[in-house]
C-alpha atoms as a PDB file:
ATOM      1  CA  MET A   1      66.175-202.701-146.428  1.00  0.00           C
ATOM      2  CA  LEU A   2      62.732-202.757-146.089  1.00  0.00           C
ATOM      3  CA  LYS A   3      62.371-205.802-148.395  1.00  0.00           C
ATOM      4  CA  THR A   4      59.838-208.610-147.242  1.00  0.00           C
ATOM      5  CA  LYS A   5      57.784-211.472-148.306  1.00  0.00           C
ATOM      6  CA  ILE A   6      53.756-211.744-147.810  1.00  0.00           C
ATOM      7  CA  ALA A   7      53.554-215.851-147.968  1.00  0.00           C
ATOM      8  CA  ASN A   8      55.328-216.594-150.683  1.00  0.00           C
ATOM      9  CA  ARG A   9      55.719-212.881-152.732  1.00  0.00           C
ATOM     10  CA  GLU A  10      58.047-210.341-152.303  1.00  0.00           C
ATOM     11  CA  TYR A  11      58.204-206.902-152.101  1.00  0.00           C
ATOM     12  CA  LYS A  12      60.504-203.849-151.920  1.00  0.00           C
ATOM     13  CA  THR A  13      59.200-202.081-149.045  1.00  0.00           C
ATOM     14  CA  CYS A  14      56.800-203.565-146.074  1.00  0.00           C
ATOM     15  CA  ILE A  15      54.377-200.770-146.065  1.00  0.00           C
ATOM     16  CA  TYR A  16      50.808-200.279-148.004  1.00  0.00           C
ATOM     17  CA  ASN A  17      47.318-198.694-147.581  1.00  0.00           C
ATOM     18  CA  ALA A  18      44.496-200.420-145.720  1.00  0.00           C
ATOM     19  CA  SER A  19      41.570-200.939-147.200  1.00  0.00           C
ATOM     20  CA  GLY A  20      38.657-198.283-146.018  1.00  0.00           C
ATOM     21  CA  VAL A  21      40.010-194.811-146.734  1.00  0.00           C
ATOM     22  CA  ASN A  22      41.097-193.189-150.042  1.00  0.00           C
ATOM     23  CA  CYS A  23      41.158-196.502-151.892  1.00  0.00           C
ATOM     24  CA  ARG A  24      37.210-196.415-153.191  1.00  0.00           C
ATOM     25  CA  SER A  25      37.544-194.595-157.069  1.00  0.00           C
ATOM     26  CA  LYS A  26      40.312-195.660-160.053  1.00  0.00           C
ATOM     27  CA  GLN A  27      41.688-192.163-158.843  1.00  0.00           C
ATOM     28  CA  ASN A  28      42.430-192.833-155.382  1.00  0.00           C
ATOM     29  CA  LEU A  29      43.748-196.474-156.663  1.00  0.00           C
ATOM     30  CA  ASP A  30      46.136-194.663-159.346  1.00  0.00           C
ATOM     31  CA  GLU A  31      47.514-192.174-156.216  1.00  0.00           C
ATOM     32  CA  LEU A  32      48.513-195.601-154.795  1.00  0.00           C
ATOM     33  CA  TYR A  33      50.095-196.857-157.683  1.00  0.00           C
ATOM     34  CA  ILE A  34      51.953-194.404-158.492  1.00  0.00           C
ATOM     35  CA  SER A  35      53.272-193.479-154.539  1.00  0.00           C
ATOM     36  CA  ASN A  36      55.515-195.758-152.570  1.00  0.00           C
ATOM     37  CA  SER A  37      52.643-198.159-151.561  1.00  0.00           C
ATOM     38  CA  ALA A  38      54.068-201.265-151.933  1.00  0.00           C
ATOM     39  CA  ILE A  39      50.767-202.956-152.732  1.00  0.00           C
ATOM     40  CA  VAL A  40      47.520-201.108-153.874  1.00  0.00           C
ATOM     41  CA  LEU A  41      44.198-202.476-152.103  1.00  0.00           C
ATOM     42  CA  SER A  42      41.497-201.915-153.020  1.00  0.00           C
ATOM     43  CA  LYS A  43      38.285-200.541-151.049  1.00  0.00           C
ATOM     44  CA  SER A  44      35.951-203.499-149.451  1.00  0.00           C
ATOM     45  CA  CYS A  45      33.723-204.556-152.065  1.00  0.00           C
ATOM     46  CA  THR A  46      29.926-205.755-152.273  1.00  0.00           C
ATOM     47  CA  ILE A  47      28.186-207.037-155.205  1.00  0.00           C
ATOM     48  CA  GLN A  48      26.904-203.927-156.246  1.00  0.00           C
ATOM     49  CA  GLU A  49      27.694-200.535-155.389  1.00  0.00           C
ATOM     50  CA  ARG A  50      27.028-198.406-151.889  1.00  0.00           C
ATOM     51  CA  LYS A  51      26.978-195.474-151.451  1.00  0.00           C
ATOM     52  CA  GLY A  52      27.490-196.285-147.612  1.00  0.00           C
ATOM     53  CA  ASN A  53      26.053-194.197-144.366  1.00  0.00           C
ATOM     54  CA  MET A  54      24.609-191.103-143.855  1.00  0.00           C
ATOM     55  CA  GLU A  55      26.861-187.993-143.076  1.00  0.00           C
ATOM     56  CA  PRO A  56      28.798-187.082-140.891  1.00  0.00           C
ATOM     57  CA  ARG A  57      30.246-190.693-140.751  1.00  0.00           C
ATOM     58  CA  TYR A  58      33.878-189.801-140.174  1.00  0.00           C
ATOM     59  CA  PHE A  59      35.262-187.554-137.008  1.00  0.00           C
ATOM     60  CA  ASP A  60      39.133-187.620-135.660  1.00  0.00           C
ATOM     61  CA  THR A  61      40.874-185.963-133.359  1.00  0.00           C
ATOM     62  CA  GLU A  62      45.182-186.125-132.546  1.00  0.00           C
ATOM     63  CA  THR A  63      44.805-189.264-130.875  1.00  0.00           C
ATOM     64  CA  MET A  64      41.735-191.585-132.405  1.00  0.00           C
ATOM     65  CA  SER A  65      39.288-191.797-135.211  1.00  0.00           C
ATOM     66  CA  ILE A  66      35.778-193.103-135.518  1.00  0.00           C
ATOM     67  CA  ASN A  67      33.668-194.068-138.692  1.00  0.00           C
ATOM     68  CA  SER A  68      30.633-195.601-139.573  1.00  0.00           C
ATOM     69  CA  SER A  69      31.283-195.353-143.600  1.00  0.00           C
ATOM     70  CA  GLY A  70      29.203-198.177-144.377  1.00  0.00           C
ATOM     71  CA  LEU A  71      31.130-200.080-146.934  1.00  0.00           C
ATOM     72  CA  PRO A  72      30.683-196.936-149.670  1.00  0.00           C
ATOM     73  CA  ASN A  73      32.256-198.645-152.911  1.00  0.00           C
ATOM     74  CA  MET A  74      31.816-199.057-156.924  1.00  0.00           C
ATOM     75  CA  GLY A  75      31.123-202.851-156.594  1.00  0.00           C
ATOM     76  CA  TYR A  76      32.632-205.850-157.289  1.00  0.00           C
ATOM     77  CA  SER A  77      32.780-205.570-161.074  1.00  0.00           C
ATOM     78  CA  PHE A  78      34.548-202.584-160.737  1.00  0.00           C
ATOM     79  CA  TYR A  79      37.237-203.244-158.485  1.00  0.00           C
ATOM     80  CA  ASN A  80      37.809-206.826-160.722  1.00  0.00           C
ATOM     81  CA  THR A  81      38.775-205.035-163.534  1.00  0.00           C
ATOM     82  CA  ILE A  82      41.483-203.293-162.276  1.00  0.00           C
ATOM     83  CA  ASN A  83      44.904-204.038-163.781  1.00  0.00           C
ATOM     84  CA  TYR A  84      48.225-202.286-162.990  1.00  0.00           C
ATOM     85  CA  SER A  85      51.195-204.645-164.845  1.00  0.00           C
ATOM     86  CA  ASP A  86      54.287-203.553-162.263  1.00  0.00           C
ATOM     87  CA  LYS A  87      52.498-203.283-159.075  1.00  0.00           C
ATOM     88  CA  ASP A  88      50.935-205.726-157.145  1.00  0.00           C
ATOM     89  CA  TYR A  89      46.850-205.286-156.622  1.00  0.00           C
ATOM     90  CA  PHE A  90      44.807-206.870-153.853  1.00  0.00           C
ATOM     91  CA  MET A  91      41.097-206.989-153.830  1.00  0.00           C
ATOM     92  CA  SER A  92      39.375-206.328-150.685  1.00  0.00           C
ATOM     93  CA  ILE A  93      36.074-208.441-151.018  1.00  0.00           C
ATOM     94  CA  SER A  94      32.855-207.956-147.913  1.00  0.00           C
ATOM     95  CA  GLY A  95      30.227-209.709-149.487  1.00  0.00           C
ATOM     96  CA  MET A  96      26.865-208.917-147.228  1.00  0.00           C
ATOM     97  CA  THR A  97      26.003-212.530-147.362  1.00  0.00           C
ATOM     98  CA  PRO A  98      28.478-215.522-147.074  1.00  0.00           C
ATOM     99  CA  ASN A  99      27.191-216.445-150.698  1.00  0.00           C
ATOM    100  CA  THR A 100      27.965-213.528-152.069  1.00  0.00           C
ATOM    101  CA  ASN A 101      31.694-213.727-150.488  1.00  0.00           C
ATOM    102  CA  ILE A 102      31.657-217.016-152.465  1.00  0.00           C
ATOM    103  CA  PHE A 103      30.438-215.810-156.024  1.00  0.00           C
ATOM    104  CA  MET A 104      33.094-212.944-156.178  1.00  0.00           C
ATOM    105  CA  LEU A 105      35.741-215.606-155.116  1.00  0.00           C
ATOM    106  CA  GLN A 106      34.502-217.776-157.952  1.00  0.00           C
ATOM    107  CA  HIS A 107      34.988-215.174-160.332  1.00  0.00           C
ATOM    108  CA  LEU A 108      38.445-213.206-159.976  1.00  0.00           C
ATOM    109  CA  THR A 109      40.154-211.798-162.661  1.00  0.00           C
ATOM    110  CA  ASP A 110      43.905-212.917-163.454  1.00  0.00           C
ATOM    111  CA  ASN A 111      44.440-209.213-162.698  1.00  0.00           C
ATOM    112  CA  ILE A 112      44.314-209.755-159.162  1.00  0.00           C
ATOM    113  CA  ASN A 113      47.544-210.981-157.317  1.00  0.00           C
ATOM    114  CA  GLY A 114      45.845-211.098-153.648  1.00  0.00           C
ATOM    115  CA  ILE A 115      42.325-210.696-151.944  1.00  0.00           C
ATOM    116  CA  GLU A 116      42.205-209.649-148.352  1.00  0.00           C
ATOM    117  CA  LEU A 117      38.527-211.082-147.441  1.00  0.00           C
ATOM    118  CA  ASN A 118      37.099-208.757-144.775  1.00  0.00           C
ATOM    119  CA  LEU A 119      35.404-210.467-141.886  1.00  0.00           C
ATOM    120  CA  SER A 120      35.427-207.463-139.941  1.00  0.00           C
ATOM    121  CA  CYS A 121      33.743-204.622-141.125  1.00  0.00           C
ATOM    122  CA  PRO A 122      31.391-203.338-137.549  1.00  0.00           C
ATOM    123  CA  ASN A 123      29.591-200.455-139.601  1.00  0.00           C
ATOM    124  CA  ILE A 124      26.472-202.196-141.125  1.00  0.00           C
ATOM    125  CA  LYS A 125      23.280-201.429-139.761  1.00  0.00           C
ATOM    126  CA  GLY A 126      21.898-204.760-138.684  1.00  0.00           C
ATOM    127  CA  LYS A 127      24.799-207.105-139.895  1.00  0.00           C
ATOM    128  CA  SER A 128      27.469-208.425-137.154  1.00  0.00           C
ATOM    129  CA  GLN A 129      31.119-209.130-138.093  1.00  0.00           C
ATOM    130  CA  LEU A 130      31.506-212.362-139.588  1.00  0.00           C
ATOM    131  CA  GLY A 131      34.723-212.530-137.503  1.00  0.00           C
ATOM    132  CA  TYR A 132      32.990-213.221-134.158  1.00  0.00           C
ATOM    133  CA  ASP A 133      30.948-215.710-135.461  1.00  0.00           C
ATOM    134  CA  PHE A 134      33.037-218.956-135.577  1.00  0.00           C
ATOM    135  CA  GLU A 135      31.395-221.510-137.031  1.00  0.00           C
ATOM    136  CA  ALA A 136      30.009-219.271-140.309  1.00  0.00           C
ATOM    137  CA  THR A 137      33.854-218.374-140.246  1.00  0.00           C
ATOM    138  CA  GLU A 138      35.293-221.803-140.638  1.00  0.00           C
ATOM    139  CA  GLU A 139      32.581-222.679-143.203  1.00  0.00           C
ATOM    140  CA  LEU A 140      33.273-219.769-145.176  1.00  0.00           C
ATOM    141  CA  LEU A 141      37.315-220.005-145.382  1.00  0.00           C
ATOM    142  CA  ARG A 142      36.766-224.093-145.959  1.00  0.00           C
ATOM    143  CA  LYS A 143      35.032-223.100-149.081  1.00  0.00           C
ATOM    144  CA  ALA A 144      37.227-220.449-150.131  1.00  0.00           C
ATOM    145  CA  SER A 145      40.162-222.356-149.646  1.00  0.00           C
ATOM    146  CA  GLU A 146      39.150-225.076-151.823  1.00  0.00           C
ATOM    147  CA  ILE A 147      38.142-222.118-154.743  1.00  0.00           C
ATOM    148  CA  LEU A 148      41.203-220.066-154.419  1.00  0.00           C
ATOM    149  CA  ASP A 149      43.730-223.523-154.100  1.00  0.00           C
ATOM    150  CA  ASP A 150      44.669-223.463-157.687  1.00  0.00           C
ATOM    151  CA  LYS A 151      45.565-219.552-157.453  1.00  0.00           C
ATOM    152  CA  ILE A 152      47.275-220.210-154.092  1.00  0.00           C
ATOM    153  CA  LYS A 153      49.594-222.738-155.890  1.00  0.00           C
ATOM    154  CA  ASN A 154      50.660-220.046-158.159  1.00  0.00           C
ATOM    155  CA  ASP A 155      51.817-217.503-155.257  1.00  0.00           C
ATOM    156  CA  PHE A 156      48.066-216.442-154.381  1.00  0.00           C
ATOM    157  CA  ILE A 157      47.420-214.259-151.550  1.00  0.00           C
ATOM    158  CA  PHE A 158      44.709-215.505-149.798  1.00  0.00           C
ATOM    159  CA  GLY A 159      44.178-212.924-146.981  1.00  0.00           C
ATOM    160  CA  ILE A 160      41.850-212.252-144.085  1.00  0.00           C
ATOM    161  CA  LYS A 161      41.293-209.331-142.430  1.00  0.00           C
ATOM    162  CA  LEU A 162      40.359-209.734-138.438  1.00  0.00           C
ATOM    163  CA  PRO A 163      38.636-207.938-136.156  1.00  0.00           C
ATOM    164  CA  PRO A 164      40.051-207.521-132.656  1.00  0.00           C
ATOM    165  CA  TYR A 165      40.149-210.184-129.904  1.00  0.00           C
ATOM    166  CA  PHE A 166      40.161-209.554-126.619  1.00  0.00           C
ATOM    167  CA  ASP A 167      39.974-213.040-125.199  1.00  0.00           C
ATOM    168  CA  GLU A 168      42.543-216.034-125.194  1.00  0.00           C
ATOM    169  CA  LEU A 169      39.972-218.526-125.613  1.00  0.00           C
ATOM    170  CA  HIS A 170      38.979-216.377-128.811  1.00  0.00           C
ATOM    171  CA  PHE A 171      42.488-216.080-130.136  1.00  0.00           C
ATOM    172  CA  ASN A 172      43.291-219.902-130.108  1.00  0.00           C
ATOM    173  CA  ASN A 173      39.898-220.625-131.756  1.00  0.00           C
ATOM    174  CA  MET A 174      40.096-218.840-134.616  1.00  0.00           C
ATOM    175  CA  ALA A 175      43.945-219.943-134.815  1.00  0.00           C
ATOM    176  CA  ASP A 176      42.819-223.559-135.420  1.00  0.00           C
ATOM    177  CA  ILE A 177      40.425-222.711-137.878  1.00  0.00           C
ATOM    178  CA  ILE A 178      43.008-220.547-139.563  1.00  0.00           C
ATOM    179  CA  ASN A 179      45.478-223.636-139.302  1.00  0.00           C
ATOM    180  CA  ASN A 180      42.940-225.901-141.069  1.00  0.00           C
ATOM    181  CA  THR A 181      42.426-223.556-144.241  1.00  0.00           C
ATOM    182  CA  LYS A 182      44.415-222.051-147.320  1.00  0.00           C
ATOM    183  CA  VAL A 183      44.714-218.677-145.744  1.00  0.00           C
ATOM    184  CA  ASN A 184      48.402-217.657-145.761  1.00  0.00           C
ATOM    185  CA  SER A 185      47.740-213.565-144.687  1.00  0.00           C
ATOM    186  CA  ILE A 186      46.222-212.330-141.840  1.00  0.00           C
ATOM    187  CA  THR A 187      45.841-208.457-141.482  1.00  0.00           C
ATOM    188  CA  CYS A 188      45.337-207.591-137.435  1.00  0.00           C
ATOM    189  CA  ILE A 189      43.137-205.510-137.361  1.00  0.00           C
ATOM    190  CA  ASN A 190      40.336-203.715-138.464  1.00  0.00           C
ATOM    191  CA  SER A 191      38.669-201.125-136.404  1.00  0.00           C
ATOM    192  CA  ILE A 192      37.404-201.436-132.780  1.00  0.00           C
ATOM    193  CA  GLY A 193      33.483-201.770-133.187  1.00  0.00           C
ATOM    194  CA  ASN A 194      30.937-199.545-131.574  1.00  0.00           C
ATOM    195  CA  GLY A 195      33.002-197.318-130.211  1.00  0.00           C
ATOM    196  CA  LEU A 196      31.041-194.066-128.980  1.00  0.00           C
ATOM    197  CA  VAL A 197      32.365-190.254-128.907  1.00  0.00           C
ATOM    198  CA  VAL A 198      30.233-187.673-128.248  1.00  0.00           C
ATOM    199  CA  ASN A 199      30.882-183.960-127.998  1.00  0.00           C
ATOM    200  CA  PRO A 200      29.948-182.467-124.425  1.00  0.00           C
ATOM    201  CA  TYR A 201      29.557-178.665-125.492  1.00  0.00           C
ATOM    202  CA  SER A 202      26.302-179.954-127.795  1.00  0.00           C
ATOM    203  CA  ASN A 203      25.341-183.135-126.237  1.00  0.00           C
ATOM    204  CA  LYS A 204      25.125-185.209-129.628  1.00  0.00           C
ATOM    205  CA  THR A 205      27.509-187.774-130.658  1.00  0.00           C
ATOM    206  CA  ALA A 206      30.276-187.180-133.384  1.00  0.00           C
ATOM    207  CA  ILE A 207      28.836-189.039-136.215  1.00  0.00           C
ATOM    208  CA  LYS A 208      25.293-189.383-137.515  1.00  0.00           C
ATOM    209  CA  PRO A 209      25.062-193.768-138.504  1.00  0.00           C
ATOM    210  CA  LYS A 210      23.992-195.954-135.466  1.00  0.00           C
ATOM    211  CA  ASN A 211      23.197-192.901-133.203  1.00  0.00           C
ATOM    212  CA  GLY A 212      26.645-192.501-133.269  1.00  0.00           C
ATOM    213  CA  PHE A 213      28.493-195.758-132.806  1.00  0.00           C
ATOM    214  CA  GLY A 214      31.426-196.485-135.390  1.00  0.00           C
ATOM    215  CA  GLY A 215      35.226-197.753-135.319  1.00  0.00           C
ATOM    216  CA  ILE A 216      37.586-196.634-133.495  1.00  0.00           C
ATOM    217  CA  GLY A 217      40.596-196.060-134.951  1.00  0.00           C
ATOM    218  CA  GLY A 218      44.180-194.104-135.154  1.00  0.00           C
ATOM    219  CA  ASP A 219      46.669-194.038-132.803  1.00  0.00           C
ATOM    220  CA  ILE A 220      44.492-195.264-129.302  1.00  0.00           C
ATOM    221  CA  VAL A 221      44.118-198.710-131.146  1.00  0.00           C
ATOM    222  CA  LYS A 222      47.766-199.481-131.227  1.00  0.00           C
ATOM    223  CA  PRO A 223      48.491-201.528-127.983  1.00  0.00           C
ATOM    224  CA  THR A 224      45.287-203.686-129.484  1.00  0.00           C
ATOM    225  CA  ALA A 225      46.606-204.272-132.760  1.00  0.00           C
ATOM    226  CA  LEU A 226      49.697-205.355-131.559  1.00  0.00           C
ATOM    227  CA  ALA A 227      48.561-207.715-129.278  1.00  0.00           C
ATOM    228  CA  ASN A 228      46.488-209.213-131.843  1.00  0.00           C
ATOM    229  CA  VAL A 229      49.458-209.009-134.468  1.00  0.00           C
ATOM    230  CA  HIS A 230      51.913-210.966-131.793  1.00  0.00           C
ATOM    231  CA  LYS A 231      49.298-213.290-130.915  1.00  0.00           C
ATOM    232  CA  PHE A 232      48.519-214.552-134.417  1.00  0.00           C
ATOM    233  CA  TYR A 233      52.316-214.356-134.914  1.00  0.00           C
ATOM    234  CA  LYS A 234      52.610-216.601-132.614  1.00  0.00           C
ATOM    235  CA  LEU A 235      49.199-219.136-133.048  1.00  0.00           C
ATOM    236  CA  THR A 236      49.687-219.763-136.853  1.00  0.00           C
ATOM    237  CA  ASN A 237      52.279-219.866-139.874  1.00  0.00           C
ATOM    238  CA  CYS A 238      50.424-217.281-141.854  1.00  0.00           C
ATOM    239  CA  SER A 239      52.147-213.910-142.788  1.00  0.00           C
ATOM    240  CA  ILE A 240      50.958-211.311-140.384  1.00  0.00           C
ATOM    241  CA  VAL A 241      50.185-207.521-141.627  1.00  0.00           C
ATOM    242  CA  GLY A 242      50.036-205.174-138.815  1.00  0.00           C
ATOM    243  CA  CYS A 243      47.183-202.564-139.340  1.00  0.00           C
ATOM    244  CA  GLY A 244      46.065-199.842-136.089  1.00  0.00           C
ATOM    245  CA  GLY A 245      47.528-197.174-134.935  1.00  0.00           C
ATOM    246  CA  ILE A 246      50.475-196.493-137.065  1.00  0.00           C
ATOM    247  CA  SER A 247      51.384-192.750-137.884  1.00  0.00           C
ATOM    248  CA  ASN A 248      55.440-192.784-137.618  1.00  0.00           C
ATOM    249  CA  GLY A 249      58.027-195.328-138.102  1.00  0.00           C
ATOM    250  CA  ILE A 250      58.412-196.222-134.421  1.00  0.00           C
ATOM    251  CA  ASP A 251      54.915-197.133-134.898  1.00  0.00           C
ATOM    252  CA  ALA A 252      55.977-199.634-137.544  1.00  0.00           C
ATOM    253  CA  TYR A 253      58.873-201.035-135.956  1.00  0.00           C
ATOM    254  CA  GLU A 254      56.732-202.183-133.362  1.00  0.00           C
ATOM    255  CA  HIS A 255      54.120-203.876-135.544  1.00  0.00           C
ATOM    256  CA  ILE A 256      57.102-205.695-137.093  1.00  0.00           C
ATOM    257  CA  LEU A 257      58.857-206.314-133.745  1.00  0.00           C
ATOM    258  CA  CYS A 258      55.756-208.125-132.939  1.00  0.00           C
ATOM    259  CA  GLY A 259      55.785-210.404-135.791  1.00  0.00           C
ATOM    260  CA  ALA A 260      54.061-208.304-138.476  1.00  0.00           C
ATOM    261  CA  SER A 261      55.577-209.071-141.867  1.00  0.00           C
ATOM    262  CA  ALA A 262      54.461-205.569-143.678  1.00  0.00           C
ATOM    263  CA  VAL A 263      52.011-202.601-142.163  1.00  0.00           C
ATOM    264  CA  GLN A 264      49.146-200.971-143.588  1.00  0.00           C
ATOM    265  CA  ILE A 265      48.467-197.778-142.868  1.00  0.00           C
ATOM    266  CA  GLY A 266      44.938-196.094-142.581  1.00  0.00           C
ATOM    267  CA  THR A 267      43.804-193.162-140.401  1.00  0.00           C
ATOM    268  CA  GLN A 268      46.976-191.252-140.981  1.00  0.00           C
ATOM    269  CA  LEU A 269      46.753-192.226-144.430  1.00  0.00           C
ATOM    270  CA  TYR A 270      43.358-190.324-144.454  1.00  0.00           C
ATOM    271  CA  LYS A 271      44.672-187.408-143.121  1.00  0.00           C
ATOM    272  CA  GLU A 272      48.134-187.167-144.925  1.00  0.00           C
ATOM    273  CA  GLY A 273      47.457-188.561-148.105  1.00  0.00           C
ATOM    274  CA  VAL A 274      50.000-190.795-149.647  1.00  0.00           C
ATOM    275  CA  GLY A 275      52.825-188.518-148.883  1.00  0.00           C
ATOM    276  CA  CYS A 276      52.701-190.563-145.658  1.00  0.00           C
ATOM    277  CA  PHE A 277      54.022-193.765-147.101  1.00  0.00           C
ATOM    278  CA  ASP A 278      57.211-192.191-147.729  1.00  0.00           C
ATOM    279  CA  ARG A 279      57.859-190.722-144.537  1.00  0.00           C
ATOM    280  CA  ILE A 280      56.968-193.374-142.307  1.00  0.00           C
ATOM    281  CA  GLU A 281      59.282-195.597-144.448  1.00  0.00           C
ATOM    282  CA  SER A 282      62.097-192.646-143.880  1.00  0.00           C
ATOM    283  CA  GLN A 283      61.653-192.860-139.998  1.00  0.00           C
ATOM    284  CA  LEU A 284      61.277-196.322-140.160  1.00  0.00           C
ATOM    285  CA  LYS A 285      64.725-196.998-141.726  1.00  0.00           C
ATOM    286  CA  ASP A 286      66.172-194.177-139.653  1.00  0.00           C
ATOM    287  CA  PHE A 287      65.473-196.331-136.448  1.00  0.00           C
ATOM    288  CA  MET A 288      66.702-199.334-137.600  1.00  0.00           C
ATOM    289  CA  LEU A 289      69.901-197.789-138.415  1.00  0.00           C
ATOM    290  CA  ILE A 290      69.879-196.294-134.492  1.00  0.00           C
ATOM    291  CA  LYS A 291      69.190-200.113-133.288  1.00  0.00           C
ATOM    292  CA  GLY A 292      71.599-201.630-136.032  1.00  0.00           C
ATOM    293  CA  TYR A 293      69.560-203.417-138.036  1.00  0.00           C
ATOM    294  CA  THR A 294      70.017-203.817-141.545  1.00  0.00           C
ATOM    295  CA  ASN A 295      66.607-205.377-142.806  1.00  0.00           C
ATOM    296  CA  ILE A 296      63.507-206.251-140.852  1.00  0.00           C
ATOM    297  CA  SER A 297      64.379-209.727-140.662  1.00  0.00           C
ATOM    298  CA  LYS A 298      66.834-209.313-138.348  1.00  0.00           C
ATOM    299  CA  PHE A 299      63.754-207.883-135.892  1.00  0.00           C
ATOM    300  CA  LYS A 300      60.943-209.628-137.303  1.00  0.00           C
ATOM    301  CA  GLY A 301      58.686-211.220-134.159  1.00  0.00           C
ATOM    302  CA  GLN A 302      61.754-210.805-131.364  1.00  0.00           C
ATOM    303  CA  LEU A 303      59.334-209.306-128.622  1.00  0.00           C
ATOM    304  CA  GLU A 304      61.312-209.882-125.723  1.00  0.00           C
ATOM    305  CA  TYR A 305      59.092-210.724-122.405  1.00  0.00           C
ATOM    306  CA  LEU A 306      60.121-208.944-119.031  1.00  0.00           C
END
């Protein structure tokens, strides 16, 4: 009922983890492997291990979260050797420079079924989000397309994770870049960068890094996520992976209705653990039955306009 395809790879369910939370350690990844997550997606990795930003770096409420984790990860070599025999394993890559991204792409092991090139981490002090630099993004994706060409011919997923866009010109510019590369999967969106949450009683910020500035996630970002999903569904031929504001089955339905082939769970995974996959899948199936749909292809991308 929830079978889907991302590019040319088939999956029994359309729900898996977002890179960012509960996917850093081997224990985290093993929990995802035995869960109902369709794919095991790693934490965004850098060449060397990183401890990340100072604590506290995460804060949430019922409707939103803010984090400034700073890419804590075990390092490229660790994630590049993970091997799961009967579930696809994707590695998220977020090098500190374009050249380190290229190096990691050049040395992928055969264990990796796909990558998610993270162009959108907003939480590194002094480092801008690559996805807002269209010229640099175009150059990186062109080089990456050349490196991954043979793998893509064998159904490898060349995915990118984008920051949220808010302007028509930016949607069109990024879509034009993507359409001239070998990218075949787009994750929309990463957190909304550089938000600020304050405590009016203590007069202090909710988190410590970057003077309290961090990426906003959770329910509150869903309208922005849906807009980006739908825009890139219309403007590209890539599979779209919806991410942002998904805490129940109807949220997942809305992302698919806007054009997503699959959805990722982030903030809710942090709050609930891997059991969220079973619950959200069950709720999505129930809502599909109410609507009279037997598979997601019947309503994917079928958003109607007033």
